[in-house]
Amino acid sequence: MQIANDNVVQFNYTLKDEQGEVMDTNQGKAPLAYLHGHDNMLEGLEKALHGKSEGDSFSVTLAPADAYGERDESLTQRVSIRHLQGAKRWEPGMVAMVHTENGPRQVVVVKVGRFMADVDLNHLLAGRTLTFDIDVVAVRAATAEELEHGHAHGEGGHQH
């Protein structure tokens, strides 16, 4: 079966930076699962997966616009240090979690004062050209429940 809209796709990946250094992988773990065509995957990666089949292996290099977007230098915000989670003492360059109205978000600490910190709200991989090595493990039709919920269920997907 070829990957098309309303299919659940399971795949393994290795993510590499511009120099070819491995940044992340799920090799040796459960495959990642997503519902194709429902905005559950990076747009550029979903386009590259479209039409592929179980057993296919390939690499795709994504420009920032097709991955996590371009960096926006204006995306900084001053927050109270008490809202930063992940450490007791903060220094520039550290990654913190901040709870927002849209849920938890990773931020990078830019500047630290006694009570306040300036944080960078860009995605950690914004502005980066990324290469994904992909192994398509399985492709199947989505269930009615998955289509209703808008995401894949089961191993590698959403657990209810």
C-alpha atoms as a PDB file:
ATOM      1  CA  MET A   1       0.000   0.000   0.000  1.00  0.00           C
ATOM      2  CA  GLN A   2       1.307   3.429  -0.919  1.00  0.00           C
ATOM      3  CA  ILE A   3       1.189   6.265   1.589  1.00  0.00           C
ATOM      4  CA  ALA A   4      -1.805   8.514   0.911  1.00  0.00           C
ATOM      5  CA  ASN A   5      -4.191  10.679   2.898  1.00  0.00           C
ATOM      6  CA  ASP A   6      -6.058   8.855   5.682  1.00  0.00           C
ATOM      7  CA  ASN A   7      -3.345   6.193   6.048  1.00  0.00           C
ATOM      8  CA  VAL A   8      -1.552   5.476   9.300  1.00  0.00           C
ATOM      9  CA  VAL A   9       2.181   5.412   8.629  1.00  0.00           C
ATOM     10  CA  GLN A  10       4.810   3.922  10.926  1.00  0.00           C
ATOM     11  CA  PHE A  11       8.438   4.798  10.302  1.00  0.00           C
ATOM     12  CA  ASN A  12      11.864   4.949  11.882  1.00  0.00           C
ATOM     13  CA  TYR A  13      14.063   7.994  11.408  1.00  0.00           C
ATOM     14  CA  THR A  14      17.494   9.420  11.998  1.00  0.00           C
ATOM     15  CA  LEU A  15      17.737  13.215  12.064  1.00  0.00           C
ATOM     16  CA  LYS A  16      21.011  14.856  11.015  1.00  0.00           C
ATOM     17  CA  ASP A  17      22.158  18.477  11.076  1.00  0.00           C
ATOM     18  CA  GLU A  18      23.878  20.450   8.315  1.00  0.00           C
ATOM     19  CA  GLN A  19      27.223  18.745   9.048  1.00  0.00           C
ATOM     20  CA  GLY A  20      25.723  15.236   8.977  1.00  0.00           C
ATOM     21  CA  GLU A  21      25.892  14.819  12.767  1.00  0.00           C
ATOM     22  CA  VAL A  22      23.090  12.701  14.251  1.00  0.00           C
ATOM     23  CA  MET A  23      20.794  14.881  16.362  1.00  0.00           C
ATOM     24  CA  ASP A  24      18.029  12.363  17.108  1.00  0.00           C
ATOM     25  CA  THR A  25      16.886   8.877  16.149  1.00  0.00           C
ATOM     26  CA  ASN A  26      14.276   6.333  17.082  1.00  0.00           C
ATOM     27  CA  GLN A  27      16.263   3.403  15.662  1.00  0.00           C
ATOM     28  CA  GLY A  28      15.966   0.446  18.026  1.00  0.00           C
ATOM     29  CA  LYS A  29      12.722   1.820  19.482  1.00  0.00           C
ATOM     30  CA  ALA A  30       9.061   1.600  18.480  1.00  0.00           C
ATOM     31  CA  PRO A  31       8.357   3.224  15.109  1.00  0.00           C
ATOM     32  CA  LEU A  32       6.759   6.667  15.084  1.00  0.00           C
ATOM     33  CA  ALA A  33       3.131   6.580  13.862  1.00  0.00           C
ATOM     34  CA  TYR A  34       1.087   9.401  12.362  1.00  0.00           C
ATOM     35  CA  LEU A  35      -2.098   9.942  10.351  1.00  0.00           C
ATOM     36  CA  HIS A  36      -1.070  11.099   6.871  1.00  0.00           C
ATOM     37  CA  GLY A  37      -2.764  14.210   5.493  1.00  0.00           C
ATOM     38  CA  HIS A  38      -3.977  15.554   8.844  1.00  0.00           C
ATOM     39  CA  ASP A  39      -1.200  18.045   9.716  1.00  0.00           C
ATOM     40  CA  ASN A  40       0.414  15.650  12.202  1.00  0.00           C
ATOM     41  CA  MET A  41       3.863  15.749  10.607  1.00  0.00           C
ATOM     42  CA  LEU A  42       6.318  18.338   9.321  1.00  0.00           C
ATOM     43  CA  GLU A  43       4.934  19.480   5.972  1.00  0.00           C
ATOM     44  CA  GLY A  44       8.150  18.759   4.062  1.00  0.00           C
ATOM     45  CA  LEU A  45       8.533  15.317   5.609  1.00  0.00           C
ATOM     46  CA  GLU A  46       4.912  14.416   4.884  1.00  0.00           C
ATOM     47  CA  LYS A  47       5.368  15.469   1.236  1.00  0.00           C
ATOM     48  CA  ALA A  48       8.484  13.278   0.993  1.00  0.00           C
ATOM     49  CA  LEU A  49       6.629  10.291   2.492  1.00  0.00           C
ATOM     50  CA  HIS A  50       3.594  10.638   0.199  1.00  0.00           C
ATOM     51  CA  GLY A  51       3.536   7.796  -2.336  1.00  0.00           C
ATOM     52  CA  LYS A  52       6.173   5.705  -0.549  1.00  0.00           C
ATOM     53  CA  SER A  53       5.419   2.120   0.521  1.00  0.00           C
ATOM     54  CA  GLU A  54       6.175  -0.213   3.397  1.00  0.00           C
ATOM     55  CA  GLY A  55       9.847  -1.231   3.215  1.00  0.00           C
ATOM     56  CA  ASP A  56      11.000   1.930   1.427  1.00  0.00           C
ATOM     57  CA  SER A  57      14.108   3.672   2.772  1.00  0.00           C
ATOM     58  CA  PHE A  58      15.180   7.135   1.689  1.00  0.00           C
ATOM     59  CA  SER A  59      16.776  10.400   2.809  1.00  0.00           C
ATOM     60  CA  VAL A  60      15.274  13.849   2.483  1.00  0.00           C
ATOM     61  CA  THR A  61      16.871  17.206   3.263  1.00  0.00           C
ATOM     62  CA  LEU A  62      14.464  19.916   4.368  1.00  0.00           C
ATOM     63  CA  ALA A  63      15.090  23.645   4.219  1.00  0.00           C
ATOM     64  CA  PRO A  64      13.942  25.570   7.307  1.00  0.00           C
ATOM     65  CA  ALA A  65      10.684  26.631   5.602  1.00  0.00           C
ATOM     66  CA  ASP A  66       9.731  22.955   5.135  1.00  0.00           C
ATOM     67  CA  ALA A  67      10.818  21.906   8.622  1.00  0.00           C
ATOM     68  CA  TYR A  68      10.588  24.078  11.753  1.00  0.00           C
ATOM     69  CA  GLY A  69      10.520  27.463  10.031  1.00  0.00           C
ATOM     70  CA  GLU A  70      12.950  30.332   9.781  1.00  0.00           C
ATOM     71  CA  ARG A  71      14.272  31.922  12.964  1.00  0.00           C
ATOM     72  CA  ASP A  72      12.452  35.066  13.984  1.00  0.00           C
ATOM     73  CA  GLU A  73      14.814  37.197  16.053  1.00  0.00           C
ATOM     74  CA  SER A  74      11.853  39.163  17.429  1.00  0.00           C
ATOM     75  CA  LEU A  75      10.473  36.071  19.203  1.00  0.00           C
ATOM     76  CA  THR A  76      11.852  36.849  22.633  1.00  0.00           C
ATOM     77  CA  GLN A  77       9.859  37.439  25.760  1.00  0.00           C
ATOM     78  CA  ARG A  78      10.609  38.449  29.331  1.00  0.00           C
ATOM     79  CA  VAL A  79       9.183  36.004  31.892  1.00  0.00           C
ATOM     80  CA  SER A  80       9.431  35.525  35.604  1.00  0.00           C
ATOM     81  CA  ILE A  81      12.144  33.036  36.544  1.00  0.00           C
ATOM     82  CA  ARG A  82       9.596  31.183  38.677  1.00  0.00           C
ATOM     83  CA  HIS A  83       7.785  30.184  35.448  1.00  0.00           C
ATOM     84  CA  LEU A  84      10.878  28.400  34.068  1.00  0.00           C
ATOM     85  CA  GLN A  85      10.941  24.668  34.720  1.00  0.00           C
ATOM     86  CA  GLY A  86      13.857  22.271  34.435  1.00  0.00           C
ATOM     87  CA  ALA A  87      16.577  23.712  36.686  1.00  0.00           C
ATOM     88  CA  LYS A  88      17.079  25.598  39.927  1.00  0.00           C
ATOM     89  CA  ARG A  89      19.706  28.012  38.582  1.00  0.00           C
ATOM     90  CA  TRP A  90      19.446  29.459  35.056  1.00  0.00           C
ATOM     91  CA  GLU A  91      22.169  30.551  32.656  1.00  0.00           C
ATOM     92  CA  PRO A  92      22.029  31.784  29.055  1.00  0.00           C
ATOM     93  CA  GLY A  93      21.785  28.903  26.558  1.00  0.00           C
ATOM     94  CA  MET A  94      19.877  26.580  28.879  1.00  0.00           C
ATOM     95  CA  VAL A  95      16.595  25.036  27.682  1.00  0.00           C
ATOM     96  CA  ALA A  96      13.560  25.505  29.914  1.00  0.00           C
ATOM     97  CA  MET A  97       9.927  24.463  29.832  1.00  0.00           C
ATOM     98  CA  VAL A  98       7.274  27.164  30.149  1.00  0.00           C
ATOM     99  CA  HIS A  99       3.552  26.492  30.419  1.00  0.00           C
ATOM    100  CA  THR A 100       1.566  28.595  27.940  1.00  0.00           C
ATOM    101  CA  GLU A 101      -2.110  28.809  27.043  1.00  0.00           C
ATOM    102  CA  ASN A 102      -1.286  26.324  24.242  1.00  0.00           C
ATOM    103  CA  GLY A 103       0.419  23.851  26.592  1.00  0.00           C
ATOM    104  CA  PRO A 104       4.079  23.333  27.543  1.00  0.00           C
ATOM    105  CA  ARG A 105       6.725  24.907  25.316  1.00  0.00           C
ATOM    106  CA  GLN A 106      10.503  24.632  25.205  1.00  0.00           C
ATOM    107  CA  VAL A 107      12.356  27.942  25.273  1.00  0.00           C
ATOM    108  CA  VAL A 108      16.019  28.899  25.358  1.00  0.00           C
ATOM    109  CA  VAL A 109      17.190  31.257  28.083  1.00  0.00           C
ATOM    110  CA  VAL A 110      18.869  34.298  26.505  1.00  0.00           C
ATOM    111  CA  LYS A 111      19.488  36.564  29.516  1.00  0.00           C
ATOM    112  CA  VAL A 112      18.966  36.065  33.238  1.00  0.00           C
ATOM    113  CA  GLY A 113      18.308  38.713  35.844  1.00  0.00           C
ATOM    114  CA  ARG A 114      17.508  38.344  39.508  1.00  0.00           C
ATOM    115  CA  PHE A 115      13.750  37.838  39.033  1.00  0.00           C
ATOM    116  CA  MET A 116      13.194  37.849  35.267  1.00  0.00           C
ATOM    117  CA  ALA A 117      14.651  36.061  32.252  1.00  0.00           C
ATOM    118  CA  ASP A 118      14.550  36.808  28.534  1.00  0.00           C
ATOM    119  CA  VAL A 119      13.702  33.671  26.567  1.00  0.00           C
ATOM    120  CA  ASP A 120      13.811  32.762  22.876  1.00  0.00           C
ATOM    121  CA  LEU A 121      10.456  31.352  21.709  1.00  0.00           C
ATOM    122  CA  ASN A 122      11.712  29.979  18.372  1.00  0.00           C
ATOM    123  CA  HIS A 123      11.572  26.204  17.979  1.00  0.00           C
ATOM    124  CA  LEU A 124      14.958  24.743  18.923  1.00  0.00           C
ATOM    125  CA  LEU A 125      15.458  23.615  15.300  1.00  0.00           C
ATOM    126  CA  ALA A 126      14.146  26.785  13.604  1.00  0.00           C
ATOM    127  CA  GLY A 127      16.430  28.088  10.882  1.00  0.00           C
ATOM    128  CA  ARG A 128      18.188  24.732  10.456  1.00  0.00           C
ATOM    129  CA  THR A 129      18.482  22.639   7.294  1.00  0.00           C
ATOM    130  CA  LEU A 130      17.773  19.075   8.412  1.00  0.00           C
ATOM    131  CA  THR A 131      18.243  15.659   6.833  1.00  0.00           C
ATOM    132  CA  PHE A 132      15.968  12.764   7.739  1.00  0.00           C
ATOM    133  CA  ASP A 133      16.917   9.151   6.940  1.00  0.00           C
ATOM    134  CA  ILE A 134      13.579   7.334   6.819  1.00  0.00           C
ATOM    135  CA  ASP A 135      12.624   3.636   6.906  1.00  0.00           C
ATOM    136  CA  VAL A 136       8.905   3.074   6.259  1.00  0.00           C
ATOM    137  CA  VAL A 137       7.893   0.209   8.566  1.00  0.00           C
ATOM    138  CA  ALA A 138       4.140  -0.080   7.926  1.00  0.00           C
ATOM    139  CA  VAL A 139       1.265   1.571   6.080  1.00  0.00           C
ATOM    140  CA  ARG A 140      -2.409   0.833   6.741  1.00  0.00           C
ATOM    141  CA  ALA A 141      -5.818   2.412   6.328  1.00  0.00           C
ATOM    142  CA  ALA A 142      -6.849   4.496   9.330  1.00  0.00           C
ATOM    143  CA  THR A 143      -9.745   3.329  11.477  1.00  0.00           C
ATOM    144  CA  ALA A 144     -12.933   5.388  11.701  1.00  0.00           C
ATOM    145  CA  GLU A 145     -11.952   6.372  15.253  1.00  0.00           C
ATOM    146  CA  GLU A 146      -8.503   7.573  14.132  1.00  0.00           C
ATOM    147  CA  LEU A 147     -10.083   9.649  11.366  1.00  0.00           C
ATOM    148  CA  GLU A 148     -12.586  11.120  13.829  1.00  0.00           C
ATOM    149  CA  HIS A 149      -9.828  11.970  16.338  1.00  0.00           C
ATOM    150  CA  GLY A 150      -7.402  13.200  13.664  1.00  0.00           C
ATOM    151  CA  HIS A 151      -4.405  11.131  14.799  1.00  0.00           C
ATOM    152  CA  ALA A 152      -2.983   7.604  14.823  1.00  0.00           C
ATOM    153  CA  HIS A 153      -3.667   5.319  17.781  1.00  0.00           C
ATOM    154  CA  GLY A 154      -1.601   2.455  19.163  1.00  0.00           C
ATOM    155  CA  GLU A 155       2.130   1.859  19.253  1.00  0.00           C
ATOM    156  CA  GLY A 156       4.042   4.942  18.179  1.00  0.00           C
ATOM    157  CA  GLY A 157       0.850   7.008  18.000  1.00  0.00           C
ATOM    158  CA  HIS A 158      -1.560   8.548  20.508  1.00  0.00           C
ATOM    159  CA  GLN A 159      -2.526   6.436  23.513  1.00  0.00           C
ATOM    160  CA  HIS A 160      -6.044   6.901  24.923  1.00  0.00           C
END
